[in-house]
All heavy atoms as atom14 arrays in JSON, in Angstrom:
{
  "sequence": "FIPQWVTEPIDELELLVGVKIDSTDRTPAGLQILKVPARTYVSVPARG",
  "atom14_mask": [
    [1, 1, 1, 1, 1, 1, 1, 1, 1, 1, 1, 0, 0, 0],
    [1, 1, 1, 1, 1, 1, 1, 1, 0, 0, 0, 0, 0, 0],
    [1, 1, 1, 1, 1, 1, 1, 0, 0, 0, 0, 0, 0, 0],
    [1, 1, 1, 1, 1, 1, 1, 1, 1, 0, 0, 0, 0, 0],
    [1, 1, 1, 1, 1, 1, 1, 1, 1, 1, 1, 1, 1, 1],
    [1, 1, 1, 1, 1, 1, 1, 0, 0, 0, 0, 0, 0, 0],
    [1, 1, 1, 1, 1, 1, 1, 0, 0, 0, 0, 0, 0, 0],
    [1, 1, 1, 1, 1, 1, 1, 1, 1, 0, 0, 0, 0, 0],
    [1, 1, 1, 1, 1, 1, 1, 0, 0, 0, 0, 0, 0, 0],
    [1, 1, 1, 1, 1, 1, 1, 1, 0, 0, 0, 0, 0, 0],
    [1, 1, 1, 1, 1, 1, 1, 1, 0, 0, 0, 0, 0, 0],
    [1, 1, 1, 1, 1, 1, 1, 1, 1, 0, 0, 0, 0, 0],
    [1, 1, 1, 1, 1, 1, 1, 1, 0, 0, 0, 0, 0, 0],
    [1, 1, 1, 1, 1, 1, 1, 1, 1, 0, 0, 0, 0, 0],
    [1, 1, 1, 1, 1, 1, 1, 1, 0, 0, 0, 0, 0, 0],
    [1, 1, 1, 1, 1, 1, 1, 1, 0, 0, 0, 0, 0, 0],
    [1, 1, 1, 1, 1, 1, 1, 0, 0, 0, 0, 0, 0, 0],
    [1, 1, 1, 1, 0, 0, 0, 0, 0, 0, 0, 0, 0, 0],
    [1, 1, 1, 1, 1, 1, 1, 0, 0, 0, 0, 0, 0, 0],
    [1, 1, 1, 1, 1, 1, 1, 1, 1, 0, 0, 0, 0, 0],
    [1, 1, 1, 1, 1, 1, 1, 1, 0, 0, 0, 0, 0, 0],
    [1, 1, 1, 1, 1, 1, 1, 1, 0, 0, 0, 0, 0, 0],
    [1, 1, 1, 1, 1, 1, 0, 0, 0, 0, 0, 0, 0, 0],
    [1, 1, 1, 1, 1, 1, 1, 0, 0, 0, 0, 0, 0, 0],
    [1, 1, 1, 1, 1, 1, 1, 1, 0, 0, 0, 0, 0, 0],
    [1, 1, 1, 1, 1, 1, 1, 1, 1, 1, 1, 0, 0, 0],
    [1, 1, 1, 1, 1, 1, 1, 0, 0, 0, 0, 0, 0, 0],
    [1, 1, 1, 1, 1, 1, 1, 0, 0, 0, 0, 0, 0, 0],
    [1, 1, 1, 1, 1, 0, 0, 0, 0, 0, 0, 0, 0, 0],
    [1, 1, 1, 1, 0, 0, 0, 0, 0, 0, 0, 0, 0, 0],
    [1, 1, 1, 1, 1, 1, 1, 1, 0, 0, 0, 0, 0, 0],
    [1, 1, 1, 1, 1, 1, 1, 1, 1, 0, 0, 0, 0, 0],
    [1, 1, 1, 1, 1, 1, 1, 1, 0, 0, 0, 0, 0, 0],
    [1, 1, 1, 1, 1, 1, 1, 1, 0, 0, 0, 0, 0, 0],
    [1, 1, 1, 1, 1, 1, 1, 1, 1, 0, 0, 0, 0, 0],
    [1, 1, 1, 1, 1, 1, 1, 0, 0, 0, 0, 0, 0, 0],
    [1, 1, 1, 1, 1, 1, 1, 0, 0, 0, 0, 0, 0, 0],
    [1, 1, 1, 1, 1, 0, 0, 0, 0, 0, 0, 0, 0, 0],
    [1, 1, 1, 1, 1, 1, 1, 1, 1, 1, 1, 0, 0, 0],
    [1, 1, 1, 1, 1, 1, 1, 0, 0, 0, 0, 0, 0, 0],
    [1, 1, 1, 1, 1, 1, 1, 1, 1, 1, 1, 1, 0, 0],
    [1, 1, 1, 1, 1, 1, 1, 0, 0, 0, 0, 0, 0, 0],
    [1, 1, 1, 1, 1, 1, 0, 0, 0, 0, 0, 0, 0, 0],
    [1, 1, 1, 1, 1, 1, 1, 0, 0, 0, 0, 0, 0, 0],
    [1, 1, 1, 1, 1, 1, 1, 0, 0, 0, 0, 0, 0, 0],
    [1, 1, 1, 1, 1, 0, 0, 0, 0, 0, 0, 0, 0, 0],
    [1, 1, 1, 1, 1, 1, 1, 1, 1, 1, 1, 0, 0, 0],
    [1, 1, 1, 1, 0, 0, 0, 0, 0, 0, 0, 0, 0, 0]
  ],
  "atom14_positions": [
    [[3.11, 0.25, 0.45], [2.36, -0.35, -0.62], [2.97, 0.06, -1.89], [3.16, 1.29, -2.18], [0.84, 0.15, -0.57], [0.19, -0.31, 0.66], [0.08, 0.49, 1.77], [-0.47, -1.58, 0.73], [-0.57, 0.12, 2.97], [-1.11, -1.99, 1.86], [-1.1, -1.15, 3.05], [0.0, 0.0, 0.0], [0.0, 0.0, 0.0], [0.0, 0.0, 0.0]],
    [[3.23, -0.88, -2.82], [3.97, -0.62, -4.06], [3.03, -0.92, -5.2], [2.44, -1.95, -5.36], [5.17, -1.57, -4.15], [6.09, -1.3, -2.86], [5.96, -1.32, -5.41], [7.12, -2.38, -2.65], [0.0, 0.0, 0.0], [0.0, 0.0, 0.0], [0.0, 0.0, 0.0], [0.0, 0.0, 0.0], [0.0, 0.0, 0.0], [0.0, 0.0, 0.0]],
    [[2.81, 0.05, -6.12], [1.89, -0.14, -7.27], [2.44, -1.19, -8.23], [3.49, -1.08, -8.77], [1.85, 1.22, -7.91], [3.16, 1.98, -7.46], [3.49, 1.36, -6.16], [0.0, 0.0, 0.0], [0.0, 0.0, 0.0], [0.0, 0.0, 0.0], [0.0, 0.0, 0.0], [0.0, 0.0, 0.0], [0.0, 0.0, 0.0], [0.0, 0.0, 0.0]],
    [[1.71, -2.26, -8.35], [2.05, -3.38, -9.25], [1.86, -3.03, -10.75], [2.4, -3.77, -11.56], [1.39, -4.69, -8.81], [1.9, -5.2, -7.55], [1.55, -6.68, -7.27], [1.81, -7.11, -6.18], [0.96, -7.37, -8.14], [0.0, 0.0, 0.0], [0.0, 0.0, 0.0], [0.0, 0.0, 0.0], [0.0, 0.0, 0.0], [0.0, 0.0, 0.0]],
    [[1.12, -2.04, -11.0], [0.83, -1.73, -12.41], [1.95, -0.9, -13.02], [2.0, -0.76, -14.24], [-0.54, -0.91, -12.54], [-0.59, 0.36, -11.88], [-0.25, 1.58, -12.44], [-0.94, 0.63, -10.58], [-0.43, 2.58, -11.5], [-0.86, 2.06, -10.37], [-1.36, -0.14, -9.45], [-1.1, 2.67, -9.13], [-1.69, 0.52, -8.29], [-1.53, 1.87, -8.13]],
    [[2.92, -0.5, -12.23], [4.08, 0.11, -12.72], [5.08, -1.0, -13.02], [5.68, -1.51, -12.14], [4.67, 1.16, -11.74], [6.0, 1.76, -12.27], [3.65, 2.21, -11.44], [0.0, 0.0, 0.0], [0.0, 0.0, 0.0], [0.0, 0.0, 0.0], [0.0, 0.0, 0.0], [0.0, 0.0, 0.0], [0.0, 0.0, 0.0], [0.0, 0.0, 0.0]],
    [[5.19, -1.33, -14.28], [6.01, -2.51, -14.66], [7.34, -2.11, -15.4], [8.15, -2.98, -15.6], [5.18, -3.53, -15.55], [4.79, -2.75, -16.73], [3.97, -4.02, -14.8], [0.0, 0.0, 0.0], [0.0, 0.0, 0.0], [0.0, 0.0, 0.0], [0.0, 0.0, 0.0], [0.0, 0.0, 0.0], [0.0, 0.0, 0.0], [0.0, 0.0, 0.0]],
    [[7.49, -0.9, -15.75], [8.71, -0.4, -16.37], [9.41, 0.53, -15.44], [8.76, 1.26, -14.7], [8.38, 0.29, -17.71], [7.69, -0.58, -18.75], [8.59, -1.76, -19.19], [9.87, -1.54, -19.34], [8.02, -2.83, -19.46], [0.0, 0.0, 0.0], [0.0, 0.0, 0.0], [0.0, 0.0, 0.0], [0.0, 0.0, 0.0], [0.0, 0.0, 0.0]],
    [[10.7, 0.66, -15.5], [11.46, 1.58, -14.68], [11.0, 3.04, -14.96], [10.73, 3.37, -16.16], [12.9, 1.38, -15.0], [12.94, 0.03, -15.63], [11.62, -0.2, -16.27], [0.0, 0.0, 0.0], [0.0, 0.0, 0.0], [0.0, 0.0, 0.0], [0.0, 0.0, 0.0], [0.0, 0.0, 0.0], [0.0, 0.0, 0.0], [0.0, 0.0, 0.0]],
    [[10.74, 3.78, -13.94], [10.39, 5.2, -14.1], [11.28, 6.09, -13.26], [11.88, 5.56, -12.26], [8.92, 5.47, -13.77], [8.53, 4.99, -12.38], [7.98, 4.75, -14.8], [7.14, 5.28, -11.91], [0.0, 0.0, 0.0], [0.0, 0.0, 0.0], [0.0, 0.0, 0.0], [0.0, 0.0, 0.0], [0.0, 0.0, 0.0], [0.0, 0.0, 0.0]],
    [[11.39, 7.42, -13.57], [12.25, 8.26, -12.8], [11.75, 8.46, -11.3], [12.52, 8.54, -10.4], [12.35, 9.62, -13.46], [13.11, 9.56, -14.8], [13.96, 8.55, -14.81], [12.92, 10.36, -15.67], [0.0, 0.0, 0.0], [0.0, 0.0, 0.0], [0.0, 0.0, 0.0], [0.0, 0.0, 0.0], [0.0, 0.0, 0.0], [0.0, 0.0, 0.0]],
    [[10.41, 8.63, -11.21], [9.85, 8.88, -9.88], [8.72, 7.86, -9.57], [7.85, 7.63, -10.39], [9.29, 10.27, -9.75], [8.78, 10.59, -8.42], [8.49, 12.04, -8.27], [9.42, 12.86, -8.19], [7.27, 12.33, -8.12], [0.0, 0.0, 0.0], [0.0, 0.0, 0.0], [0.0, 0.0, 0.0], [0.0, 0.0, 0.0], [0.0, 0.0, 0.0]],
    [[8.82, 7.21, -8.4], [7.83, 6.19, -8.05], [6.98, 6.79, -6.94], [7.5, 7.48, -6.1], [8.64, 4.95, -7.57], [7.78, 3.76, -7.27], [6.92, 3.25, -8.46], [8.62, 2.62, -6.73], [0.0, 0.0, 0.0], [0.0, 0.0, 0.0], [0.0, 0.0, 0.0], [0.0, 0.0, 0.0], [0.0, 0.0, 0.0], [0.0, 0.0, 0.0]],
    [[5.74, 6.39, -6.95], [4.83, 6.89, -5.89], [4.34, 5.57, -5.11], [3.82, 4.63, -5.69], [3.54, 7.47, -6.44], [3.77, 8.84, -7.03], [2.55, 9.56, -7.51], [1.43, 9.0, -7.47], [2.58, 10.73, -7.94], [0.0, 0.0, 0.0], [0.0, 0.0, 0.0], [0.0, 0.0, 0.0], [0.0, 0.0, 0.0], [0.0, 0.0, 0.0]],
    [[4.67, 5.66, -3.81], [4.3, 4.56, -2.97], [3.24, 5.1, -1.97], [3.01, 6.28, -1.79], [5.51, 4.09, -2.09], [6.8, 3.73, -2.96], [7.87, 3.45, -1.95], [6.47, 2.56, -3.82], [0.0, 0.0, 0.0], [0.0, 0.0, 0.0], [0.0, 0.0, 0.0], [0.0, 0.0, 0.0], [0.0, 0.0, 0.0], [0.0, 0.0, 0.0]],
    [[2.64, 4.16, -1.18], [1.71, 4.55, -0.13], [2.33, 3.99, 1.11], [2.89, 2.9, 1.21], [0.3, 3.99, -0.31], [-0.44, 4.47, -1.56], [-1.8, 3.77, -1.66], [-0.63, 6.01, -1.48], [0.0, 0.0, 0.0], [0.0, 0.0, 0.0], [0.0, 0.0, 0.0], [0.0, 0.0, 0.0], [0.0, 0.0, 0.0], [0.0, 0.0, 0.0]],
    [[2.29, 4.8, 2.22], [2.87, 4.36, 3.47], [1.72, 4.47, 4.54], [1.08, 5.47, 4.58], [4.05, 5.28, 3.83], [4.64, 4.95, 5.18], [5.13, 5.32, 2.73], [0.0, 0.0, 0.0], [0.0, 0.0, 0.0], [0.0, 0.0, 0.0], [0.0, 0.0, 0.0], [0.0, 0.0, 0.0], [0.0, 0.0, 0.0], [0.0, 0.0, 0.0]],
    [[1.64, 3.41, 5.35], [0.56, 3.59, 6.35], [0.45, 2.41, 7.31], [1.47, 1.62, 7.44], [0.0, 0.0, 0.0], [0.0, 0.0, 0.0], [0.0, 0.0, 0.0], [0.0, 0.0, 0.0], [0.0, 0.0, 0.0], [0.0, 0.0, 0.0], [0.0, 0.0, 0.0], [0.0, 0.0, 0.0], [0.0, 0.0, 0.0], [0.0, 0.0, 0.0]],
    [[-0.65, 2.29, 7.96], [-0.94, 1.34, 8.99], [-2.29, 0.75, 8.73], [-3.25, 1.41, 8.27], [-0.78, 1.91, 10.42], [0.61, 2.34, 10.65], [-1.72, 2.99, 10.63], [0.0, 0.0, 0.0], [0.0, 0.0, 0.0], [0.0, 0.0, 0.0], [0.0, 0.0, 0.0], [0.0, 0.0, 0.0], [0.0, 0.0, 0.0], [0.0, 0.0, 0.0]],
    [[-2.61, -0.54, 9.26], [-3.82, -1.1, 9.27], [-4.67, -0.38, 10.32], [-4.18, -0.09, 11.41], [-3.78, -2.55, 9.63], [-3.41, -3.52, 8.52], [-3.52, -4.94, 8.99], [-3.19, -5.89, 7.9], [-3.32, -7.3, 8.34], [0.0, 0.0, 0.0], [0.0, 0.0, 0.0], [0.0, 0.0, 0.0], [0.0, 0.0, 0.0], [0.0, 0.0, 0.0]],
    [[-6.01, -0.12, 10.02], [-6.85, 0.47, 10.98], [-8.14, -0.39, 11.15], [-8.48, -1.14, 10.26], [-7.25, 1.95, 10.61], [-7.89, 2.01, 9.22], [-5.98, 2.79, 10.72], [-8.41, 3.41, 8.91], [0.0, 0.0, 0.0], [0.0, 0.0, 0.0], [0.0, 0.0, 0.0], [0.0, 0.0, 0.0], [0.0, 0.0, 0.0], [0.0, 0.0, 0.0]],
    [[-8.81, -0.18, 12.24], [-10.05, -0.91, 12.51], [-11.26, -0.25, 11.99], [-12.15, -0.89, 11.53], [-10.26, -1.03, 14.09], [-9.31, -1.94, 14.71], [-8.89, -2.92, 14.07], [-8.85, -1.68, 15.86], [0.0, 0.0, 0.0], [0.0, 0.0, 0.0], [0.0, 0.0, 0.0], [0.0, 0.0, 0.0], [0.0, 0.0, 0.0], [0.0, 0.0, 0.0]],
    [[-11.27, 1.07, 11.95], [-12.53, 1.74, 11.56], [-12.25, 2.85, 10.54], [-11.19, 3.43, 10.56], [-13.07, 2.44, 12.79], [-14.09, 3.27, 12.54], [0.0, 0.0, 0.0], [0.0, 0.0, 0.0], [0.0, 0.0, 0.0], [0.0, 0.0, 0.0], [0.0, 0.0, 0.0], [0.0, 0.0, 0.0], [0.0, 0.0, 0.0], [0.0, 0.0, 0.0]],
    [[-13.23, 3.02, 9.68], [-13.09, 4.17, 8.73], [-14.17, 5.24, 8.97], [-14.6, 5.99, 8.13], [-13.27, 3.63, 7.3], [-14.55, 2.94, 7.17], [-12.1, 2.7, 6.89], [0.0, 0.0, 0.0], [0.0, 0.0, 0.0], [0.0, 0.0, 0.0], [0.0, 0.0, 0.0], [0.0, 0.0, 0.0], [0.0, 0.0, 0.0], [0.0, 0.0, 0.0]],
    [[-14.62, 5.24, 10.25], [-15.62, 6.23, 10.64], [-15.14, 7.69, 10.34], [-15.79, 8.56, 10.01], [-16.0, 6.15, 12.13], [-16.72, 4.79, 12.36], [-17.25, 4.17, 11.42], [-16.83, 4.43, 13.58], [0.0, 0.0, 0.0], [0.0, 0.0, 0.0], [0.0, 0.0, 0.0], [0.0, 0.0, 0.0], [0.0, 0.0, 0.0], [0.0, 0.0, 0.0]],
    [[-13.84, 7.88, 10.57], [-13.2, 9.18, 10.27], [-11.83, 9.0, 9.73], [-11.14, 8.05, 10.05], [-13.18, 10.04, 11.5], [-12.6, 9.38, 12.72], [-12.78, 10.27, 13.97], [-11.82, 9.88, 14.96], [-11.91, 8.93, 15.84], [-12.99, 8.17, 15.82], [-10.95, 8.68, 16.7], [0.0, 0.0, 0.0], [0.0, 0.0, 0.0], [0.0, 0.0, 0.0]],
    [[-11.52, 9.91, 8.77], [-10.21, 9.8, 8.19], [-9.34, 10.92, 8.69], [-9.74, 12.14, 8.55], [-10.32, 9.97, 6.62], [-11.19, 8.91, 6.17], [-8.99, 9.82, 5.97], [0.0, 0.0, 0.0], [0.0, 0.0, 0.0], [0.0, 0.0, 0.0], [0.0, 0.0, 0.0], [0.0, 0.0, 0.0], [0.0, 0.0, 0.0], [0.0, 0.0, 0.0]],
    [[-8.17, 10.64, 9.29], [-7.38, 11.68, 9.82], [-6.95, 12.67, 8.66], [-6.73, 12.26, 7.54], [-6.17, 10.9, 10.38], [-6.7, 9.58, 10.67], [-7.68, 9.34, 9.6], [0.0, 0.0, 0.0], [0.0, 0.0, 0.0], [0.0, 0.0, 0.0], [0.0, 0.0, 0.0], [0.0, 0.0, 0.0], [0.0, 0.0, 0.0], [0.0, 0.0, 0.0]],
    [[-6.86, 13.93, 9.06], [-6.53, 14.95, 8.06], [-5.12, 14.6, 7.35], [-4.22, 14.19, 8.0], [-6.38, 16.34, 8.73], [0.0, 0.0, 0.0], [0.0, 0.0, 0.0], [0.0, 0.0, 0.0], [0.0, 0.0, 0.0], [0.0, 0.0, 0.0], [0.0, 0.0, 0.0], [0.0, 0.0, 0.0], [0.0, 0.0, 0.0], [0.0, 0.0, 0.0]],
    [[-5.16, 14.71, 6.06], [-3.95, 14.46, 5.27], [-3.7, 13.05, 4.84], [-2.75, 12.72, 4.19], [0.0, 0.0, 0.0], [0.0, 0.0, 0.0], [0.0, 0.0, 0.0], [0.0, 0.0, 0.0], [0.0, 0.0, 0.0], [0.0, 0.0, 0.0], [0.0, 0.0, 0.0], [0.0, 0.0, 0.0], [0.0, 0.0, 0.0], [0.0, 0.0, 0.0]],
    [[-4.6, 12.1, 5.32], [-4.48, 10.7, 5.04], [-5.59, 10.27, 4.15], [-6.64, 10.86, 4.04], [-4.52, 9.87, 6.37], [-3.41, 10.19, 7.36], [-3.42, 9.11, 8.46], [-2.01, 10.23, 6.71], [0.0, 0.0, 0.0], [0.0, 0.0, 0.0], [0.0, 0.0, 0.0], [0.0, 0.0, 0.0], [0.0, 0.0, 0.0], [0.0, 0.0, 0.0]],
    [[-5.38, 9.17, 3.38], [-6.37, 8.52, 2.59], [-6.71, 7.19, 3.21], [-5.89, 6.56, 3.96], [-5.84, 8.25, 1.21], [-5.33, 9.39, 0.43], [-4.54, 8.81, -0.76], [-3.32, 8.95, -0.83], [-5.3, 8.36, -1.78], [0.0, 0.0, 0.0], [0.0, 0.0, 0.0], [0.0, 0.0, 0.0], [0.0, 0.0, 0.0], [0.0, 0.0, 0.0]],
    [[-7.87, 6.64, 2.87], [-8.2, 5.3, 3.29], [-7.97, 4.38, 2.07], [-8.42, 4.63, 0.97], [-9.68, 5.15, 3.7], [-9.95, 6.08, 4.93], [-10.1, 3.73, 3.99], [-9.13, 5.67, 6.18], [0.0, 0.0, 0.0], [0.0, 0.0, 0.0], [0.0, 0.0, 0.0], [0.0, 0.0, 0.0], [0.0, 0.0, 0.0], [0.0, 0.0, 0.0]],
    [[-7.26, 3.3, 2.26], [-6.98, 2.31, 1.24], [-7.68, 0.99, 1.6], [-7.37, 0.46, 2.75], [-5.46, 2.09, 1.07], [-5.07, 0.92, 0.12], [-5.43, 1.37, -1.36], [-3.56, 0.71, 0.23], [0.0, 0.0, 0.0], [0.0, 0.0, 0.0], [0.0, 0.0, 0.0], [0.0, 0.0, 0.0], [0.0, 0.0, 0.0], [0.0, 0.0, 0.0]],
    [[-8.57, 0.51, 0.8], [-9.2, -0.73, 1.03], [-8.42, -1.81, 0.32], [-8.37, -1.75, -0.99], [-10.64, -0.72, 0.57], [-11.51, 0.38, 1.3], [-12.4, -0.26, 2.25], [-13.31, 0.77, 2.86], [-13.73, 0.43, 4.21], [0.0, 0.0, 0.0], [0.0, 0.0, 0.0], [0.0, 0.0, 0.0], [0.0, 0.0, 0.0], [0.0, 0.0, 0.0]],
    [[-7.83, -2.7, 1.0], [-7.11, -3.78, 0.42], [-8.0, -5.03, 0.4], [-8.36, -5.5, 1.39], [-5.81, -4.12, 1.16], [-5.0, -5.24, 0.57], [-4.92, -2.82, 1.28], [0.0, 0.0, 0.0], [0.0, 0.0, 0.0], [0.0, 0.0, 0.0], [0.0, 0.0, 0.0], [0.0, 0.0, 0.0], [0.0, 0.0, 0.0], [0.0, 0.0, 0.0]],
    [[-8.36, -5.53, -0.86], [-9.23, -6.65, -0.88], [-8.53, -7.98, -0.54], [-7.27, -8.04, -0.59], [-9.63, -6.66, -2.39], [-8.52, -6.01, -3.09], [-7.97, -5.06, -2.12], [0.0, 0.0, 0.0], [0.0, 0.0, 0.0], [0.0, 0.0, 0.0], [0.0, 0.0, 0.0], [0.0, 0.0, 0.0], [0.0, 0.0, 0.0], [0.0, 0.0, 0.0]],
    [[-9.25, -8.95, -0.16], [-8.69, -10.29, 0.04], [-8.11, -10.77, -1.28], [-8.76, -10.56, -2.35], [-9.79, -11.25, 0.49], [0.0, 0.0, 0.0], [0.0, 0.0, 0.0], [0.0, 0.0, 0.0], [0.0, 0.0, 0.0], [0.0, 0.0, 0.0], [0.0, 0.0, 0.0], [0.0, 0.0, 0.0], [0.0, 0.0, 0.0], [0.0, 0.0, 0.0]],
    [[-6.91, -11.32, -1.22], [-6.3, -11.85, -2.49], [-5.14, -12.71, -2.1], [-4.72, -12.68, -0.96], [-5.89, -10.72, -3.42], [-4.71, -9.88, -3.08], [-4.32, -8.97, -4.25], [-5.34, -8.03, -4.7], [-6.0, -8.03, -5.86], [-5.67, -8.95, -6.81], [-6.84, -7.13, -6.2], [0.0, 0.0, 0.0], [0.0, 0.0, 0.0], [0.0, 0.0, 0.0]],
    [[-4.6, -13.37, -3.06], [-3.5, -14.26, -2.85], [-2.18, -13.52, -3.2], [-2.12, -12.83, -4.25], [-3.56, -15.54, -3.67], [-4.8, -16.2, -3.31], [-2.42, -16.49, -3.42], [0.0, 0.0, 0.0], [0.0, 0.0, 0.0], [0.0, 0.0, 0.0], [0.0, 0.0, 0.0], [0.0, 0.0, 0.0], [0.0, 0.0, 0.0], [0.0, 0.0, 0.0]],
    [[-1.19, -13.68, -2.38], [0.18, -13.1, -2.51], [1.21, -14.16, -2.48], [1.0, -15.13, -1.76], [0.4, -12.06, -1.42], [-0.4, -10.88, -1.43], [-1.62, -10.86, -0.79], [0.05, -9.64, -2.0], [-2.42, -9.72, -0.84], [-0.78, -8.51, -2.09], [-1.98, -8.57, -1.41], [-2.76, -7.45, -1.45], [0.0, 0.0, 0.0], [0.0, 0.0, 0.0]],
    [[2.26, -13.92, -3.2], [3.54, -14.68, -2.92], [4.31, -13.86, -1.95], [4.48, -12.63, -2.15], [4.33, -14.93, -4.24], [5.66, -15.59, -3.87], [3.58, -15.67, -5.28], [0.0, 0.0, 0.0], [0.0, 0.0, 0.0], [0.0, 0.0, 0.0], [0.0, 0.0, 0.0], [0.0, 0.0, 0.0], [0.0, 0.0, 0.0], [0.0, 0.0, 0.0]],
    [[4.79, -14.5, -0.93], [5.56, -13.8, 0.05], [6.94, -14.39, 0.26], [7.1, -15.61, 0.36], [4.72, -13.84, 1.45], [5.46, -13.14, 2.46], [0.0, 0.0, 0.0], [0.0, 0.0, 0.0], [0.0, 0.0, 0.0], [0.0, 0.0, 0.0], [0.0, 0.0, 0.0], [0.0, 0.0, 0.0], [0.0, 0.0, 0.0], [0.0, 0.0, 0.0]],
    [[7.92, -13.51, 0.39], [9.25, -13.92, 0.67], [9.8, -13.04, 1.79], [9.64, -11.77, 1.74], [10.17, -13.8, -0.6], [11.66, -13.94, -0.28], [9.8, -14.81, -1.63], [0.0, 0.0, 0.0], [0.0, 0.0, 0.0], [0.0, 0.0, 0.0], [0.0, 0.0, 0.0], [0.0, 0.0, 0.0], [0.0, 0.0, 0.0], [0.0, 0.0, 0.0]],
    [[10.45, -13.56, 2.83], [10.98, -12.72, 3.83], [12.22, -11.94, 3.3], [13.03, -12.44, 2.52], [11.51, -13.68, 4.92], [10.91, -15.0, 4.55], [10.51, -14.97, 3.12], [0.0, 0.0, 0.0], [0.0, 0.0, 0.0], [0.0, 0.0, 0.0], [0.0, 0.0, 0.0], [0.0, 0.0, 0.0], [0.0, 0.0, 0.0], [0.0, 0.0, 0.0]],
    [[12.37, -10.69, 3.63], [13.44, -9.79, 3.19], [14.14, -9.39, 4.42], [13.75, -8.38, 5.04], [12.89, -8.67, 2.36], [0.0, 0.0, 0.0], [0.0, 0.0, 0.0], [0.0, 0.0, 0.0], [0.0, 0.0, 0.0], [0.0, 0.0, 0.0], [0.0, 0.0, 0.0], [0.0, 0.0, 0.0], [0.0, 0.0, 0.0], [0.0, 0.0, 0.0]],
    [[15.14, -10.06, 4.81], [15.87, -9.78, 6.03], [17.41, -9.72, 5.72], [17.91, -10.54, 5.04], [15.67, -10.86, 7.06], [14.23, -10.91, 7.52], [14.12, -11.9, 8.68], [12.64, -11.96, 9.09], [11.79, -12.87, 8.7], [12.15, -13.84, 7.94], [10.52, -12.74, 9.12], [0.0, 0.0, 0.0], [0.0, 0.0, 0.0], [0.0, 0.0, 0.0]],
    [[18.03, -8.65, 6.15], [19.44, -8.52, 6.01], [19.83, -7.19, 5.39], [19.1, -6.19, 5.46], [0.0, 0.0, 0.0], [0.0, 0.0, 0.0], [0.0, 0.0, 0.0], [0.0, 0.0, 0.0], [0.0, 0.0, 0.0], [0.0, 0.0, 0.0], [0.0, 0.0, 0.0], [0.0, 0.0, 0.0], [0.0, 0.0, 0.0], [0.0, 0.0, 0.0]]
  ]
}
């Protein structure tokens, strides 16, 4: 996950790395829960 509010080049970038999960009943130690709302995206395959 790449923060879209970072619009200018910066020295250090913070990303989120993870997987889709079914349940938020418990959060594994050291992880955060990210709720991604329904929204429209432009998508382009990046292969190569």
